[in-house]
Amino acid sequence: MTMQKFRLAAIIGLPLTLAGCATNAEYAARDAGFTAVSAKVGAGTAKRSVWIQNREQAAKAQAQVKSLLARKSVDADTAVQIALLNNKGLQAAYADLGDAAANAWQATMLLNPTISIGTTGIGAPELQAYRAIEGLITTNILALMTREKSIAVADARFRQAQLAAALKTLALAAETRRAWIEAVSAWETVAQLNRAQAAADAASQLAAKLGESGAMGKADQAREHVFNAELAGQVAEARLAARLAKENLTRKMGLWGTDADYRVPNRLPDLPKGLSRRDSIEAEALKRRVELQMARFDLEAVAKSYRLTEATRFVSDLTLVAGAEAEREREDGDTKVETTGQVELEFTIPIFDTGQARLRTAELAHMRAANLLAEKAVNVRSEARSAYQAYRSRYDIARHYRNTVVPLRTKIEDEAALSYNGMITSTFELLADNRSKVDSVILTINAKRDFWLADADLTTAIHGGGEAGAAAEVAAPAAADAD
């Protein structure tokens, strides 16, 4: 007697039929999700970001960087564009977006069926070398039932990864702009200190000659010499700070070798003639802030995960196996085949684990995400108001130094020069007035630097990418792993 036994899963035919059309083209694209990232970045920086994935794209981006560096000096907008084209850490962040797209793509795919084949009775001559052949094909029916929920969770995480990539790009743009402001301000300070150093050198040399002639005492000579020596130390410190500030900018732009020999302007831009009004800055920040959008997607993903947990609370593994059993029997030289249908249902009995712990964990995750979203909304409003207040106040302070303090110092210096020409003011008094003016100019430079930093922070408060944005970026992958 010969018997051949086959067991087929009841729903095998449907998954195999649908497998060819389940792939989502959006997830499968090599630059999946990057169009949305570019749109967010363009709105926040007015600059172009690229996702480099092959040599041709890398060569094209490098050529653009070389073209931008060929300019006489690198301004703030150029520095930001170079960073978006050339920073390798940013490209690593885009790879995280690719991972999220691949995970979402994987979620759209049906589980592969499991096939096993076995045989018994090998070598039995009366049964033509075998007694029975058994084949088995199974699949998880619960995975098919919850497929749409799983895809929804993966899609929400993919959208969140898009925002995380945009946030990383905005953060790099903001950091690069701030680094450029710091570097240019530092070199402008060096120029002013060099001017003060020249005056101090002249005073020190004059004091030495007057001391030789007996017209100045040793104590007064020492005062001039020590001021010159202290100022020389300040100049050295300022030059070091300027070099380090430029190196920080170089790192943000991802430059090395001969490309690092670029130049920056020797002074910051002048203050604008007027300030941009932001009467609805809170509403604008709530609408555009990337961190807030990420928190919303996190809440959406957690909510969908919660519903998925509810669906699989009692039964976490359900398999329906169906097929046929064919029995072949030889009698009086004839072969007779008899086929019998067969159905099996396999599932886990929730006796000890009723899923309550998993359901409670999902419920707490949903509550946590909802509260974090509410907190983020409050913080975004406050950060937007603070950024605008700093923007207006820094402008007023910088304008005060420019319009009031420096003109008064200039007037004092001019009057001292007239008195000196009239033999009324001594040389040392004239040099002291000149040094005082340099100090005021440095304060003006610092006030102007603080204004431009506040201007950059205002953009960050509206679109995202500041220190709070970096914290949100770290939290997003952790939340995804928790699922």
Protein backbone atom coordinates (compact mmCIF):
# COMPACT_ATOMS: atom_id res chain seq x y z
CA MET A 1 0.00 0.00 0.00
CA THR A 2 1.30 3.46 -0.90
CA MET A 3 0.13 6.65 0.81
CA GLN A 4 0.97 10.33 -0.03
CA LYS A 5 -0.18 13.02 2.46
CA PHE A 6 -0.37 16.76 1.84
CA ARG A 7 -1.53 19.50 4.29
CA LEU A 8 -2.16 23.00 2.92
CA ALA A 9 -2.88 26.16 4.93
CA ALA A 10 -6.40 27.39 4.26
CA ILE A 11 -5.35 30.92 3.37
CA ILE A 12 -2.14 30.12 1.49
CA GLY A 13 -3.71 30.82 -1.87
CA LEU A 14 -4.73 34.39 -0.98
CA PRO A 15 -1.33 35.59 0.35
CA LEU A 16 0.50 34.09 -2.61
CA THR A 17 -1.93 35.85 -4.95
CA LEU A 18 -1.56 39.22 -3.22
CA ALA A 19 2.19 39.09 -2.60
CA GLY A 20 2.96 40.65 -5.97
CA CYS A 21 0.88 43.79 -5.34
CA ALA A 22 1.57 44.40 -1.63
CA THR A 23 4.82 46.34 -2.16
CA ASN A 24 4.40 50.07 -1.58
CA ALA A 25 6.34 52.06 -4.19
CA GLU A 26 6.79 55.02 -1.84
CA TYR A 27 8.61 52.91 0.74
CA ALA A 28 10.64 51.01 -1.86
CA ALA A 29 12.14 54.10 -3.53
CA ARG A 30 15.84 54.70 -2.81
CA ASP A 31 15.08 58.25 -1.68
CA ALA A 32 11.88 57.30 0.13
CA GLY A 33 10.46 60.19 2.12
CA PHE A 34 13.17 62.66 1.16
CA THR A 35 10.85 64.89 -0.85
CA ALA A 36 9.00 65.79 2.35
CA VAL A 37 12.32 66.41 4.10
CA SER A 38 13.48 68.76 1.33
CA ALA A 39 10.20 70.68 1.51
CA LYS A 40 10.55 71.18 5.28
CA VAL A 41 14.19 72.24 4.95
CA GLY A 42 13.44 74.62 2.09
CA ALA A 43 10.70 76.32 4.11
CA GLY A 44 12.97 76.76 7.12
CA THR A 45 16.28 77.65 5.48
CA ALA A 46 15.58 78.54 1.82
CA LYS A 47 18.43 76.14 1.03
CA ARG A 48 18.63 72.81 -0.79
CA SER A 49 19.43 69.53 0.89
CA VAL A 50 20.59 66.37 -0.90
CA TRP A 51 20.68 62.69 -0.02
CA ILE A 52 23.87 61.26 -1.49
CA GLN A 53 23.67 57.53 -2.24
CA ASN A 54 26.11 56.92 -5.09
CA ARG A 55 29.37 58.20 -6.54
CA GLU A 56 27.71 60.29 -9.19
CA GLN A 57 25.67 62.20 -6.62
CA ALA A 58 28.73 62.58 -4.40
CA ALA A 59 30.79 64.01 -7.27
CA LYS A 60 28.04 66.44 -8.18
CA ALA A 61 27.70 67.66 -4.59
CA GLN A 62 31.48 68.05 -4.28
CA ALA A 63 31.58 70.11 -7.46
CA GLN A 64 28.90 72.40 -6.05
CA VAL A 65 30.90 72.79 -2.83
CA LYS A 66 34.03 73.69 -4.81
CA SER A 67 32.05 76.28 -6.75
CA LEU A 68 30.71 77.86 -3.57
CA LEU A 69 34.19 77.94 -1.99
CA ALA A 70 35.61 79.67 -5.08
CA ARG A 71 33.92 82.91 -4.03
CA LYS A 72 35.96 85.72 -2.47
CA SER A 73 34.61 84.95 1.00
CA VAL A 74 32.00 82.64 2.48
CA ASP A 75 28.89 84.42 3.75
CA ALA A 76 26.32 82.91 6.13
CA ASP A 77 23.97 81.59 3.44
CA THR A 78 26.86 80.02 1.53
CA ALA A 79 28.16 78.36 4.69
CA VAL A 80 24.74 76.84 5.37
CA GLN A 81 24.43 75.53 1.82
CA ILE A 82 27.90 73.98 1.95
CA ALA A 83 27.03 72.26 5.22
CA LEU A 84 23.83 70.80 3.78
CA LEU A 85 25.77 69.47 0.79
CA ASN A 86 28.90 68.26 2.52
CA ASN A 87 28.24 67.30 6.17
CA LYS A 88 28.66 63.53 6.52
CA GLY A 89 26.82 63.33 9.84
CA LEU A 90 23.75 64.66 8.04
CA GLN A 91 24.04 61.90 5.44
CA ALA A 92 24.17 59.37 8.29
CA ALA A 93 20.90 60.81 9.61
CA TYR A 94 19.33 60.33 6.19
CA ALA A 95 20.30 56.65 6.39
CA ASP A 96 18.05 56.44 9.47
CA LEU A 97 15.22 57.66 7.25
CA GLY A 98 16.04 54.87 4.82
CA ASP A 99 15.83 52.35 7.67
CA ALA A 100 12.36 53.60 8.61
CA ALA A 101 11.25 53.35 4.97
CA ALA A 102 12.60 49.80 4.76
CA ASN A 103 10.73 48.86 7.95
CA ALA A 104 7.50 50.29 6.54
CA TRP A 105 8.13 48.46 3.27
CA GLN A 106 8.68 45.24 5.18
CA ALA A 107 5.38 45.75 7.03
CA THR A 108 3.49 45.78 3.73
CA MET A 109 4.82 42.34 2.84
CA LEU A 110 2.95 39.19 3.75
CA LEU A 111 4.70 36.53 5.79
CA ASN A 112 6.35 33.84 3.71
CA PRO A 113 4.67 30.44 4.07
CA THR A 114 6.59 27.64 5.78
CA ILE A 115 7.03 24.44 3.77
CA SER A 116 8.21 21.09 5.13
CA ILE A 117 8.52 17.76 3.32
CA GLY A 118 9.15 14.34 4.83
CA THR A 119 9.09 10.71 3.81
CA THR A 120 8.82 7.36 5.62
CA GLY A 121 9.28 3.69 4.69
CA ILE A 122 12.23 4.18 2.38
CA GLY A 123 13.40 0.90 0.92
CA ALA A 124 10.17 -1.09 1.26
CA PRO A 125 10.00 -3.01 -2.04
CA GLU A 126 6.35 -3.86 -1.81
CA LEU A 127 5.55 -0.10 -1.57
CA GLN A 128 7.82 0.93 -4.45
CA ALA A 129 10.63 2.32 -2.23
CA TYR A 130 8.48 4.47 0.09
CA ARG A 131 5.48 4.12 2.30
CA ALA A 132 4.36 7.79 2.57
CA ILE A 133 5.37 11.28 1.57
CA GLU A 134 4.16 14.13 3.78
CA GLY A 135 4.19 17.82 2.83
CA LEU A 136 3.13 20.80 4.97
CA ILE A 137 2.52 24.48 4.14
CA THR A 138 1.47 26.83 6.98
CA THR A 139 1.07 30.53 7.54
CA ASN A 140 0.03 32.79 10.41
CA ILE A 141 -3.57 33.91 9.95
CA LEU A 142 -3.35 36.42 12.82
CA ALA A 143 -0.60 38.33 10.99
CA LEU A 144 -2.94 38.66 8.02
CA MET A 145 -5.84 39.80 10.24
CA THR A 146 -3.72 42.54 11.88
CA ARG A 147 -1.77 43.44 8.75
CA GLU A 148 -3.48 46.78 8.18
CA LYS A 149 -2.84 47.86 11.78
CA SER A 150 0.84 46.87 11.52
CA ILE A 151 1.21 48.84 8.29
CA ALA A 152 -0.42 51.88 9.92
CA VAL A 153 2.05 51.77 12.82
CA ALA A 154 5.04 51.42 10.48
CA ASP A 155 3.75 54.26 8.29
CA ALA A 156 3.41 56.57 11.30
CA ARG A 157 6.97 55.76 12.32
CA PHE A 158 8.10 56.44 8.75
CA ARG A 159 6.43 59.87 8.79
CA GLN A 160 8.07 60.54 12.12
CA ALA A 161 11.46 59.56 10.68
CA GLN A 162 10.92 62.07 7.87
CA LEU A 163 10.44 64.82 10.44
CA ALA A 164 13.48 63.59 12.40
CA ALA A 165 15.61 63.88 9.26
CA ALA A 166 14.23 67.36 8.58
CA LEU A 167 14.90 68.33 12.19
CA LYS A 168 18.51 67.15 11.93
CA THR A 169 18.93 69.21 8.77
CA LEU A 170 17.39 72.33 10.33
CA ALA A 171 19.60 71.87 13.39
CA LEU A 172 22.73 71.68 11.24
CA ALA A 173 21.66 74.78 9.31
CA ALA A 174 21.07 76.71 12.55
CA GLU A 175 24.36 75.54 14.07
CA THR A 176 26.27 76.49 10.92
CA ARG A 177 24.73 79.95 10.81
CA ARG A 178 25.55 80.52 14.48
CA ALA A 179 29.11 79.24 13.92
CA TRP A 180 29.53 81.68 11.04
CA ILE A 181 28.30 84.59 13.17
CA GLU A 182 30.67 83.63 15.99
CA ALA A 183 33.64 83.30 13.62
CA VAL A 184 33.09 86.61 11.83
CA SER A 185 32.47 88.40 15.12
CA ALA A 186 35.69 86.96 16.56
CA TRP A 187 37.77 88.20 13.62
CA GLU A 188 36.14 91.62 13.81
CA THR A 189 37.11 91.76 17.49
CA VAL A 190 40.70 90.85 16.60
CA ALA A 191 40.83 93.77 14.16
CA GLN A 192 39.69 96.22 16.82
CA LEU A 193 42.10 94.84 19.41
CA ASN A 194 44.92 95.20 16.88
CA ARG A 195 44.00 98.86 16.63
CA ALA A 196 44.17 99.18 20.41
CA GLN A 197 47.46 97.30 20.41
CA ALA A 198 48.96 99.81 18.01
CA ALA A 199 47.97 102.66 20.33
CA ALA A 200 49.35 100.79 23.35
CA ASP A 201 52.66 100.16 21.56
CA ALA A 202 52.98 103.85 20.78
CA ALA A 203 52.23 104.78 24.39
CA SER A 204 54.74 102.25 25.71
CA GLN A 205 57.50 103.49 23.38
CA LEU A 206 56.76 107.12 24.27
CA ALA A 207 56.87 106.29 27.98
CA ALA A 208 60.26 104.63 27.54
CA LYS A 209 61.71 107.71 25.80
CA LEU A 210 60.27 110.07 28.39
CA GLY A 211 61.72 107.89 31.10
CA GLU A 212 65.15 108.10 29.51
CA SER A 213 64.91 111.90 29.55
CA GLY A 214 63.68 111.96 33.13
CA ALA A 215 60.29 113.47 32.19
CA MET A 216 58.32 110.44 33.44
CA GLY A 217 58.69 108.46 36.63
CA LYS A 218 59.26 104.74 36.74
CA ALA A 219 55.79 104.04 38.14
CA ASP A 220 54.06 105.85 35.26
CA GLN A 221 56.31 104.04 32.77
CA ALA A 222 55.40 100.69 34.35
CA ARG A 223 51.69 101.48 34.04
CA GLU A 224 52.00 102.04 30.31
CA HIS A 225 54.21 98.99 29.83
CA VAL A 226 51.92 96.63 31.79
CA PHE A 227 48.85 97.86 29.91
CA ASN A 228 50.62 97.11 26.64
CA ALA A 229 51.67 93.66 27.88
CA GLU A 230 48.15 92.81 29.10
CA LEU A 231 46.64 93.97 25.83
CA ALA A 232 49.08 91.77 23.91
CA GLY A 233 47.76 88.81 25.86
CA GLN A 234 44.17 89.82 25.05
CA VAL A 235 45.02 90.03 21.36
CA ALA A 236 46.55 86.55 21.46
CA GLU A 237 43.45 85.21 23.22
CA ALA A 238 41.19 86.88 20.65
CA ARG A 239 43.16 85.41 17.74
CA LEU A 240 42.96 81.95 19.29
CA ALA A 241 39.21 82.34 19.82
CA ALA A 242 38.82 83.45 16.19
CA ARG A 243 40.79 80.47 14.87
CA LEU A 244 38.79 78.04 17.00
CA ALA A 245 35.52 79.65 15.92
CA LYS A 246 36.50 79.23 12.30
CA GLU A 247 37.46 75.60 12.93
CA ASN A 248 34.02 75.02 14.42
CA LEU A 249 32.49 76.46 11.26
CA THR A 250 34.79 74.25 9.18
CA ARG A 251 33.54 71.16 10.99
CA LYS A 252 29.91 72.10 10.41
CA MET A 253 30.61 72.49 6.70
CA GLY A 254 32.47 69.16 6.59
CA LEU A 255 35.62 70.66 5.03
CA TRP A 256 39.19 69.43 5.24
CA GLY A 257 42.49 69.72 3.40
CA THR A 258 42.83 72.68 1.05
CA ASP A 259 39.08 73.30 1.22
CA ALA A 260 39.57 74.48 4.81
CA ASP A 261 41.56 77.49 3.54
CA TYR A 262 38.41 79.49 2.82
CA ARG A 263 37.91 83.04 4.05
CA VAL A 264 35.12 84.68 5.99
CA PRO A 265 34.26 88.41 6.03
CA ASN A 266 36.14 90.57 8.52
CA ARG A 267 32.99 92.14 9.92
CA LEU A 268 29.38 91.24 10.59
CA PRO A 269 26.57 92.70 8.45
CA ASP A 270 25.10 95.99 9.61
CA LEU A 271 21.92 96.00 11.62
CA PRO A 272 18.77 95.95 9.48
CA LYS A 273 16.87 99.20 9.13
CA GLY A 274 13.83 97.67 10.75
CA LEU A 275 12.57 94.50 12.42
CA SER A 276 10.16 91.99 10.98
CA ARG A 277 6.88 91.94 12.91
CA ARG A 278 5.74 88.62 14.33
CA ASP A 279 2.33 89.38 15.82
CA SER A 280 1.21 85.75 15.48
CA ILE A 281 4.50 84.04 16.22
CA GLU A 282 2.93 81.51 18.59
CA ALA A 283 0.46 80.33 15.95
CA GLU A 284 3.23 80.24 13.35
CA ALA A 285 5.45 78.14 15.60
CA LEU A 286 2.60 75.74 16.43
CA LYS A 287 1.99 75.29 12.72
CA ARG A 288 5.57 74.92 11.51
CA ARG A 289 7.62 73.58 14.44
CA VAL A 290 9.01 70.21 13.40
CA GLU A 291 9.44 68.92 16.97
CA LEU A 292 5.74 69.44 17.61
CA GLN A 293 4.82 67.60 14.42
CA MET A 294 7.08 64.73 15.52
CA ALA A 295 5.27 64.56 18.85
CA ARG A 296 1.94 64.38 17.03
CA PHE A 297 3.15 61.50 14.87
CA ASP A 298 4.52 59.79 17.96
CA LEU A 299 1.10 60.01 19.60
CA GLU A 300 -0.51 58.67 16.41
CA ALA A 301 1.93 55.77 16.21
CA VAL A 302 1.45 54.88 19.88
CA ALA A 303 -2.32 55.02 19.49
CA LYS A 304 -2.16 52.65 16.53
CA SER A 305 0.18 50.35 18.47
CA TYR A 306 -2.34 50.40 21.31
CA ARG A 307 -5.12 49.25 18.98
CA LEU A 308 -2.83 46.53 17.62
CA THR A 309 -2.14 45.35 21.16
CA GLU A 310 -5.87 45.24 21.84
CA ALA A 311 -6.40 43.11 18.73
CA THR A 312 -3.80 40.57 19.86
CA ARG A 313 -4.51 40.68 23.58
CA PHE A 314 -5.97 37.18 23.98
CA VAL A 315 -4.59 35.37 20.95
CA SER A 316 -1.04 36.18 19.92
CA ASP A 317 -0.59 33.27 17.48
CA LEU A 318 -3.35 31.83 15.31
CA THR A 319 -2.70 29.35 12.50
CA LEU A 320 -5.30 27.69 10.29
CA VAL A 321 -4.03 24.61 8.47
CA ALA A 322 -6.13 22.94 5.78
CA GLY A 323 -5.45 20.49 2.99
CA ALA A 324 -6.04 16.98 1.80
CA GLU A 325 -4.79 13.52 2.49
CA ALA A 326 -4.31 11.26 -0.53
CA GLU A 327 -4.02 7.54 0.13
CA ARG A 328 -2.93 5.20 -2.66
CA GLU A 329 -3.55 1.48 -2.33
CA ARG A 330 -2.63 -1.36 -4.73
CA GLU A 331 -4.95 -4.32 -4.84
CA ASP A 332 -4.92 -7.17 -7.40
CA GLY A 333 -2.56 -5.19 -9.62
CA ASP A 334 -4.78 -2.10 -9.64
CA THR A 335 -4.01 1.22 -7.93
CA LYS A 336 -6.75 3.00 -6.03
CA VAL A 337 -6.40 6.59 -4.76
CA GLU A 338 -8.68 7.99 -2.05
CA THR A 339 -8.55 11.65 -1.09
CA THR A 340 -9.84 13.03 2.22
CA GLY A 341 -10.11 16.70 3.24
CA GLN A 342 -8.49 17.87 6.46
CA VAL A 343 -8.62 21.10 8.55
CA GLU A 344 -6.63 22.05 11.66
CA LEU A 345 -6.73 25.20 13.84
CA GLU A 346 -3.79 26.02 16.10
CA PHE A 347 -3.84 28.82 18.70
CA THR A 348 -2.55 29.73 22.12
CA ILE A 349 -4.94 29.32 25.07
CA PRO A 350 -4.76 32.48 27.25
CA ILE A 351 -4.91 30.68 30.60
CA PHE A 352 -1.92 32.22 32.38
CA ASP A 353 -1.20 35.30 30.25
CA THR A 354 -4.41 37.15 29.42
CA GLY A 355 -2.56 40.07 27.83
CA GLN A 356 -3.50 42.55 30.57
CA ALA A 357 0.13 43.51 31.25
CA ARG A 358 0.78 44.19 27.58
CA LEU A 359 -2.43 46.17 27.32
CA ARG A 360 -1.50 48.25 30.38
CA THR A 361 1.95 48.95 28.95
CA ALA A 362 0.42 50.15 25.68
CA GLU A 363 -2.11 52.27 27.59
CA LEU A 364 0.65 53.96 29.61
CA ALA A 365 2.66 54.58 26.44
CA HIS A 366 -0.36 56.32 24.92
CA MET A 367 -0.84 58.47 28.04
CA ARG A 368 2.86 59.36 28.03
CA ALA A 369 2.82 60.42 24.38
CA ALA A 370 -0.31 62.52 24.90
CA ASN A 371 1.19 64.38 27.85
CA LEU A 372 4.50 64.91 26.06
CA LEU A 373 2.62 66.41 23.13
CA ALA A 374 0.75 68.79 25.44
CA GLU A 375 4.00 69.78 27.16
CA LYS A 376 5.69 70.34 23.81
CA ALA A 377 2.87 72.63 22.69
CA VAL A 378 3.26 74.75 25.84
CA ASN A 379 7.03 74.89 25.44
CA VAL A 380 6.86 75.79 21.76
CA ARG A 381 4.63 78.76 22.57
CA SER A 382 6.99 79.94 25.30
CA GLU A 383 10.13 79.44 23.19
CA ALA A 384 8.59 81.42 20.33
CA ARG A 385 7.71 84.31 22.64
CA SER A 386 11.16 84.26 24.27
CA ALA A 387 12.93 84.20 20.90
CA TYR A 388 10.93 87.19 19.65
CA GLN A 389 11.52 89.14 22.85
CA ALA A 390 15.27 88.46 22.60
CA TYR A 391 15.21 89.42 18.91
CA ARG A 392 13.63 92.83 19.61
CA SER A 393 15.68 93.56 22.73
CA ARG A 394 19.00 92.60 21.14
CA TYR A 395 18.22 94.90 18.25
CA ASP A 396 17.51 97.81 20.60
CA ILE A 397 20.72 97.16 22.55
CA ALA A 398 22.88 96.90 19.44
CA ARG A 399 21.31 100.05 17.99
CA HIS A 400 21.96 101.88 21.28
CA TYR A 401 25.66 101.11 21.10
CA ARG A 402 25.80 102.01 17.42
CA ASN A 403 23.79 105.25 17.61
CA THR A 404 24.73 106.54 21.06
CA VAL A 405 27.82 105.04 22.67
CA VAL A 406 30.17 104.93 19.66
CA PRO A 407 29.26 108.45 18.42
CA LEU A 408 29.98 109.85 21.90
CA ARG A 409 33.33 108.05 22.04
CA THR A 410 34.14 109.36 18.57
CA LYS A 411 33.31 112.88 19.66
CA ILE A 412 35.54 112.55 22.73
CA GLU A 413 38.37 111.26 20.55
CA ASP A 414 37.96 114.11 18.05
CA GLU A 415 37.91 116.74 20.79
CA ALA A 416 40.98 115.19 22.38
CA ALA A 417 42.78 115.38 19.03
CA LEU A 418 41.93 119.10 18.74
CA SER A 419 43.15 119.69 22.29
CA TYR A 420 46.32 117.79 21.56
CA ASN A 421 46.99 119.91 18.49
CA GLY A 422 46.44 122.99 20.65
CA MET A 423 48.96 121.75 23.23
CA ILE A 424 46.14 121.33 25.82
CA THR A 425 45.88 117.51 26.01
CA SER A 426 48.89 115.27 26.56
CA THR A 427 49.79 112.39 24.27
CA PHE A 428 48.87 109.83 26.92
CA GLU A 429 45.40 111.31 27.38
CA LEU A 430 44.88 111.15 23.63
CA LEU A 431 45.96 107.50 23.52
CA ALA A 432 43.75 106.68 26.52
CA ASP A 433 40.72 108.16 24.74
CA ASN A 434 41.57 106.10 21.68
CA ARG A 435 41.74 102.91 23.76
CA SER A 436 38.41 103.72 25.40
CA LYS A 437 36.79 104.10 22.00
CA VAL A 438 38.14 100.70 20.93
CA ASP A 439 36.57 99.17 24.04
CA SER A 440 33.21 100.70 23.10
CA VAL A 441 33.54 99.44 19.55
CA ILE A 442 34.17 95.93 20.85
CA LEU A 443 31.04 96.17 22.99
CA THR A 444 29.19 97.27 19.86
CA ILE A 445 30.53 94.26 17.94
CA ASN A 446 29.37 91.95 20.72
CA ALA A 447 25.92 93.55 20.77
CA LYS A 448 25.65 93.20 16.99
CA ARG A 449 26.74 89.56 17.22
CA ASP A 450 24.11 88.87 19.88
CA PHE A 451 21.44 90.40 17.65
CA TRP A 452 22.32 88.20 14.67
CA LEU A 453 22.40 85.17 16.96
CA ALA A 454 18.94 86.14 18.23
CA ASP A 455 17.82 86.48 14.61
CA ALA A 456 19.00 82.93 13.92
CA ASP A 457 17.31 81.69 17.10
CA LEU A 458 14.03 83.29 16.00
CA THR A 459 14.02 81.19 12.84
CA THR A 460 14.83 78.13 14.91
CA ALA A 461 11.97 78.85 17.31
CA ILE A 462 9.52 78.90 14.41
CA HIS A 463 10.76 75.97 12.32
CA GLY A 464 12.78 73.89 14.80
CA GLY A 465 16.34 72.67 15.08
CA GLY A 466 17.54 74.13 18.37
CA GLU A 467 18.70 72.30 21.50
CA ALA A 468 15.14 71.21 22.28
CA GLY A 469 14.91 69.84 18.75
CA ALA A 470 18.02 67.73 19.30
CA ALA A 471 16.44 66.21 22.41
CA ALA A 472 13.29 65.39 20.45
CA GLU A 473 15.38 63.76 17.75
CA VAL A 474 17.00 61.45 20.30
CA ALA A 475 13.65 60.61 21.87
CA ALA A 476 12.02 59.61 18.58
CA PRO A 477 14.09 56.46 17.91
CA ALA A 478 13.73 55.44 21.55
CA ALA A 479 9.96 55.63 21.27
CA ALA A 480 10.05 53.56 18.12
CA ASP A 481 12.15 50.89 19.83
CA ALA A 482 9.67 50.74 22.69
CA ASP A 483 7.08 49.30 20.33
